[in-house]
Amino acid sequence: MSTELPESDVPPPTGAGESSPAPTRRTFIATSTAVGGAVVAGGVIGGTSLLDPEEATAAERPPSSRVSLTVNGTHRTVTIDNRTSLLDLLREHLGLTGSKKGCNAGAAR
């Protein structure tokens, strides 16, 4: 039994100057990567932004919240970063340094 294909089933070879009608997977991935890299690099190098200036400024700021609390009988309202702990709020934003930070691991007894 022969494993060779008959002449009619073998695709004709393409010449060196001819290009195939559809790109190969390898050329598609290489082209997509190059174009995607150029778009990203162009935005980083050129400093262009797709956002309005106000939206770009808002995107650069960390998320914040307005917090109202009563401490020692005094009502206070402050706007703080969402990652701020209550201890840091009291000590750094309100100037109440009576609270102390322990080992910061929560295992102190």
Protein backbone atom coordinates (compact mmCIF):
# COMPACT_ATOMS: atom_id res chain seq x y z
CA MET A 1 0.00 0.00 0.00
CA SER A 2 1.41 3.39 -0.98
CA THR A 3 1.37 6.40 1.37
CA GLU A 4 2.00 8.97 -1.36
CA LEU A 5 -0.83 11.16 -2.54
CA PRO A 6 -1.85 11.09 -6.18
CA GLU A 7 -0.69 14.06 -8.23
CA SER A 8 -4.17 15.64 -8.32
CA ASP A 9 -4.43 15.81 -4.49
CA VAL A 10 -1.10 17.59 -3.92
CA PRO A 11 -1.52 21.38 -3.72
CA PRO A 12 0.55 23.30 -6.25
CA PRO A 13 3.69 24.86 -4.78
CA THR A 14 3.73 28.62 -4.41
CA GLY A 15 6.57 30.57 -5.91
CA ALA A 16 8.93 32.75 -3.90
CA GLY A 17 7.30 35.93 -5.21
CA GLU A 18 3.71 34.81 -4.70
CA SER A 19 1.82 35.25 -1.45
CA SER A 20 -0.87 32.96 -0.16
CA PRO A 21 -4.43 34.36 -0.17
CA ALA A 22 -4.83 33.95 3.61
CA PRO A 23 -2.16 34.70 6.22
CA THR A 24 -0.73 31.83 8.18
CA ARG A 25 -1.28 31.63 11.90
CA ARG A 26 2.34 32.62 12.51
CA THR A 27 2.17 35.79 10.38
CA PHE A 28 -1.19 36.73 11.88
CA ILE A 29 0.14 36.48 15.45
CA ALA A 30 3.37 38.30 14.59
CA THR A 31 1.50 41.13 12.85
CA SER A 32 -1.08 41.43 15.66
CA THR A 33 1.67 41.57 18.27
CA ALA A 34 3.63 44.20 16.37
CA VAL A 35 0.58 46.41 15.78
CA GLY A 36 -0.64 46.04 19.38
CA GLY A 37 2.81 46.87 20.73
CA ALA A 38 3.05 49.94 18.50
CA VAL A 39 -0.35 51.20 19.68
CA VAL A 40 0.54 50.75 23.35
CA ALA A 41 4.03 52.21 22.96
CA GLY A 42 2.65 55.15 21.02
CA GLY A 43 0.25 55.97 23.85
CA VAL A 44 2.96 55.66 26.51
CA ILE A 45 5.65 57.55 24.61
CA GLY A 46 3.38 60.19 23.11
CA GLY A 47 1.47 60.67 26.34
CA THR A 48 -1.83 60.71 24.52
CA SER A 49 -4.87 59.72 26.44
CA LEU A 50 -8.24 58.54 25.26
CA LEU A 51 -9.85 60.19 28.28
CA ASP A 52 -10.88 63.80 28.74
CA PRO A 53 -8.46 65.81 30.92
CA GLU A 54 -10.94 65.73 33.83
CA GLU A 55 -11.42 61.97 33.55
CA ALA A 56 -7.66 61.41 33.29
CA THR A 57 -7.10 63.44 36.48
CA ALA A 58 -9.86 61.50 38.27
CA ALA A 59 -8.35 58.18 37.11
CA GLU A 60 -4.95 59.14 38.58
CA ARG A 61 -6.35 59.93 42.04
CA PRO A 62 -6.96 57.02 44.42
CA PRO A 63 -10.61 56.36 45.28
CA SER A 64 -11.77 58.39 48.25
CA SER A 65 -14.82 58.63 50.47
CA ARG A 66 -16.37 61.26 52.69
CA VAL A 67 -16.58 60.01 56.28
CA SER A 68 -18.51 61.56 59.16
CA LEU A 69 -17.81 60.47 62.73
CA THR A 70 -18.06 61.72 66.27
CA VAL A 71 -14.88 61.47 68.34
CA ASN A 72 -14.81 62.64 71.98
CA GLY A 73 -18.12 64.46 71.47
CA THR A 74 -16.92 66.40 68.40
CA HIS A 75 -18.57 65.75 65.04
CA ARG A 76 -16.05 65.67 62.18
CA THR A 77 -16.39 65.10 58.43
CA VAL A 78 -13.31 64.34 56.32
CA THR A 79 -12.59 63.03 52.83
CA ILE A 80 -10.01 60.25 52.93
CA ASP A 81 -8.46 57.61 50.71
CA ASN A 82 -10.48 54.35 50.88
CA ARG A 83 -7.37 52.43 51.99
CA THR A 84 -6.92 54.53 55.15
CA SER A 85 -7.31 52.64 58.42
CA LEU A 86 -9.27 54.07 61.34
CA LEU A 87 -6.04 54.42 63.34
CA ASP A 88 -4.39 56.42 60.55
CA LEU A 89 -7.51 58.57 60.20
CA LEU A 90 -7.44 59.41 63.90
CA ARG A 91 -3.69 60.01 64.13
CA GLU A 92 -2.79 61.57 60.77
CA HIS A 93 -5.95 63.34 59.61
CA LEU A 94 -7.55 64.39 62.89
CA GLY A 95 -4.37 64.87 64.94
CA LEU A 96 -5.55 62.56 67.75
CA THR A 97 -2.34 60.77 68.69
CA GLY A 98 -3.61 59.01 71.83
CA SER A 99 -4.28 55.77 69.94
CA LYS A 100 -1.14 53.70 69.42
CA LYS A 101 -0.29 51.12 66.79
CA GLY A 102 0.71 47.72 68.14
CA CYS A 103 2.54 44.98 66.29
CA ASN A 104 0.29 45.54 63.23
CA ALA A 105 -0.26 41.77 62.92
CA GLY A 106 -3.28 41.48 65.24
CA ALA A 107 -1.65 38.75 67.33
CA ALA A 108 -0.54 40.87 70.30
CA ARG A 109 -2.00 39.85 73.69
